[in-house]
Amino acid sequence: MLFTPEEHRRKGYARLCLAALSRRLLSRGVTPFVYIETDNPTSQRLFSRMGFKRKHRANWIGYAPKGKKSGGGGGCGTKKGCCY
């Protein structure tokens, strides 16, 4: 997961981290990829500008027992995203 605190955004930190990680993965023969939720255009732009290409759409489902922190108090949830 990539997250930049609000006060540090638009300074190039995410781009620097992603570039370094991508170079390291590629040097080891691993193709970097990312799943981005469809309601996150900021991340979609960042990865597109870094040369990542949209490959396909994805859906995933998650479950957490009630009482566990899961962003909704437990239960099932679905998300839609794209693989770059």
C-alpha atoms as a PDB file:
ATOM      1  CA  MET A   1       0.000   0.000   0.000  1.00  0.00           C
ATOM      2  CA  LEU A   2       1.224   3.443  -0.888  1.00  0.00           C
ATOM      3  CA  PHE A   3       0.122   6.363   1.272  1.00  0.00           C
ATOM      4  CA  THR A   4       1.558   9.848   1.565  1.00  0.00           C
ATOM      5  CA  PRO A   5       0.360  12.080   4.416  1.00  0.00           C
ATOM      6  CA  GLU A   6      -1.463  15.172   3.174  1.00  0.00           C
ATOM      7  CA  GLU A   7       1.252  17.602   4.278  1.00  0.00           C
ATOM      8  CA  HIS A   8       3.903  15.736   2.220  1.00  0.00           C
ATOM      9  CA  ARG A   9       1.958  15.341  -1.018  1.00  0.00           C
ATOM     10  CA  ARG A  10       2.961  16.918  -4.346  1.00  0.00           C
ATOM     11  CA  LYS A  11       6.662  16.879  -3.405  1.00  0.00           C
ATOM     12  CA  GLY A  12       7.697  13.841  -5.453  1.00  0.00           C
ATOM     13  CA  TYR A  13       8.223  11.456  -2.538  1.00  0.00           C
ATOM     14  CA  ALA A  14       5.879   8.748  -3.844  1.00  0.00           C
ATOM     15  CA  ARG A  15       7.469   8.951  -7.295  1.00  0.00           C
ATOM     16  CA  LEU A  16      10.972   8.572  -5.810  1.00  0.00           C
ATOM     17  CA  CYS A  17       9.966   5.557  -3.719  1.00  0.00           C
ATOM     18  CA  LEU A  18       8.159   3.910  -6.619  1.00  0.00           C
ATOM     19  CA  ALA A  19      11.056   4.502  -9.000  1.00  0.00           C
ATOM     20  CA  ALA A  20      13.569   2.978  -6.562  1.00  0.00           C
ATOM     21  CA  LEU A  21      11.354  -0.009  -5.798  1.00  0.00           C
ATOM     22  CA  SER A  22      10.584  -0.596  -9.485  1.00  0.00           C
ATOM     23  CA  ARG A  23      14.310  -0.525 -10.389  1.00  0.00           C
ATOM     24  CA  ARG A  24      15.080  -2.985  -7.613  1.00  0.00           C
ATOM     25  CA  LEU A  25      12.313  -5.374  -8.662  1.00  0.00           C
ATOM     26  CA  LEU A  26      13.322  -5.195 -12.321  1.00  0.00           C
ATOM     27  CA  SER A  27      16.977  -5.865 -11.432  1.00  0.00           C
ATOM     28  CA  ARG A  28      15.814  -9.093  -9.787  1.00  0.00           C
ATOM     29  CA  GLY A  29      13.716 -10.136 -12.777  1.00  0.00           C
ATOM     30  CA  VAL A  30      10.388  -9.242 -11.156  1.00  0.00           C
ATOM     31  CA  THR A  31       7.810  -7.232 -13.085  1.00  0.00           C
ATOM     32  CA  PRO A  32       6.289  -4.555 -10.850  1.00  0.00           C
ATOM     33  CA  PHE A  33       2.505  -4.212 -10.900  1.00  0.00           C
ATOM     34  CA  VAL A  34      -0.174  -2.528  -8.832  1.00  0.00           C
ATOM     35  CA  TYR A  35      -3.897  -2.752  -8.231  1.00  0.00           C
ATOM     36  CA  ILE A  36      -5.558   0.657  -7.862  1.00  0.00           C
ATOM     37  CA  GLU A  37      -9.161   1.189  -6.816  1.00  0.00           C
ATOM     38  CA  THR A  38     -11.267   2.791  -9.532  1.00  0.00           C
ATOM     39  CA  ASP A  39     -12.182   5.698  -7.247  1.00  0.00           C
ATOM     40  CA  ASN A  40      -8.524   6.761  -6.881  1.00  0.00           C
ATOM     41  CA  PRO A  41      -7.688   8.867  -9.967  1.00  0.00           C
ATOM     42  CA  THR A  42      -4.669  10.446  -8.240  1.00  0.00           C
ATOM     43  CA  SER A  43      -2.886   7.094  -7.969  1.00  0.00           C
ATOM     44  CA  GLN A  44      -3.980   6.121 -11.471  1.00  0.00           C
ATOM     45  CA  ARG A  45      -2.363   9.308 -12.854  1.00  0.00           C
ATOM     46  CA  LEU A  46       0.829   8.773 -10.839  1.00  0.00           C
ATOM     47  CA  PHE A  47       1.364   5.232 -12.069  1.00  0.00           C
ATOM     48  CA  SER A  48       0.417   6.103 -15.657  1.00  0.00           C
ATOM     49  CA  ARG A  49       2.934   8.961 -15.671  1.00  0.00           C
ATOM     50  CA  MET A  50       5.582   6.554 -14.408  1.00  0.00           C
ATOM     51  CA  GLY A  51       5.019   4.299 -17.410  1.00  0.00           C
ATOM     52  CA  PHE A  52       2.669   1.711 -15.946  1.00  0.00           C
ATOM     53  CA  LYS A  53       0.024   0.583 -18.453  1.00  0.00           C
ATOM     54  CA  ARG A  54      -3.509  -0.440 -17.557  1.00  0.00           C
ATOM     55  CA  LYS A  55      -3.862  -4.178 -18.212  1.00  0.00           C
ATOM     56  CA  HIS A  56      -7.279  -5.202 -16.910  1.00  0.00           C
ATOM     57  CA  ARG A  57     -10.043  -4.472 -14.444  1.00  0.00           C
ATOM     58  CA  ALA A  58     -10.328  -6.486 -11.254  1.00  0.00           C
ATOM     59  CA  ASN A  59     -12.875  -7.161  -8.537  1.00  0.00           C
ATOM     60  CA  TRP A  60     -12.021  -8.522  -5.140  1.00  0.00           C
ATOM     61  CA  ILE A  61     -13.883  -9.455  -2.017  1.00  0.00           C
ATOM     62  CA  GLY A  62     -12.805  -9.417   1.600  1.00  0.00           C
ATOM     63  CA  TYR A  63     -14.157 -10.666   4.886  1.00  0.00           C
ATOM     64  CA  ALA A  64     -13.399  -9.828   8.510  1.00  0.00           C
ATOM     65  CA  PRO A  65     -15.148 -11.217  11.584  1.00  0.00           C
ATOM     66  CA  LYS A  66     -17.374  -8.781  13.456  1.00  0.00           C
ATOM     67  CA  GLY A  67     -15.451  -6.720  15.948  1.00  0.00           C
ATOM     68  CA  LYS A  68     -12.253  -6.685  13.882  1.00  0.00           C
ATOM     69  CA  LYS A  69     -11.107  -3.454  12.303  1.00  0.00           C
ATOM     70  CA  SER A  70     -11.835  -3.820   8.623  1.00  0.00           C
ATOM     71  CA  GLY A  71     -13.129  -0.420   7.623  1.00  0.00           C
ATOM     72  CA  GLY A  72     -16.701  -1.469   8.238  1.00  0.00           C
ATOM     73  CA  GLY A  73     -16.922  -3.300  11.530  1.00  0.00           C
ATOM     74  CA  GLY A  74     -16.686  -6.752   9.970  1.00  0.00           C
ATOM     75  CA  GLY A  75     -18.549  -8.566   7.276  1.00  0.00           C
ATOM     76  CA  CYS A  76     -18.072  -8.848   3.539  1.00  0.00           C
ATOM     77  CA  GLY A  77     -17.095  -6.085   1.203  1.00  0.00           C
ATOM     78  CA  THR A  78     -16.254  -5.751  -2.455  1.00  0.00           C
ATOM     79  CA  LYS A  79     -13.964  -3.374  -4.298  1.00  0.00           C
ATOM     80  CA  LYS A  80     -13.360  -2.616  -7.956  1.00  0.00           C
ATOM     81  CA  GLY A  81      -9.986  -1.714  -9.326  1.00  0.00           C
ATOM     82  CA  CYS A  82      -7.582  -1.884 -12.212  1.00  0.00           C
ATOM     83  CA  CYS A  83      -4.265  -3.648 -12.597  1.00  0.00           C
ATOM     84  CA  TYR A  84      -1.418  -1.509 -13.962  1.00  0.00           C
END
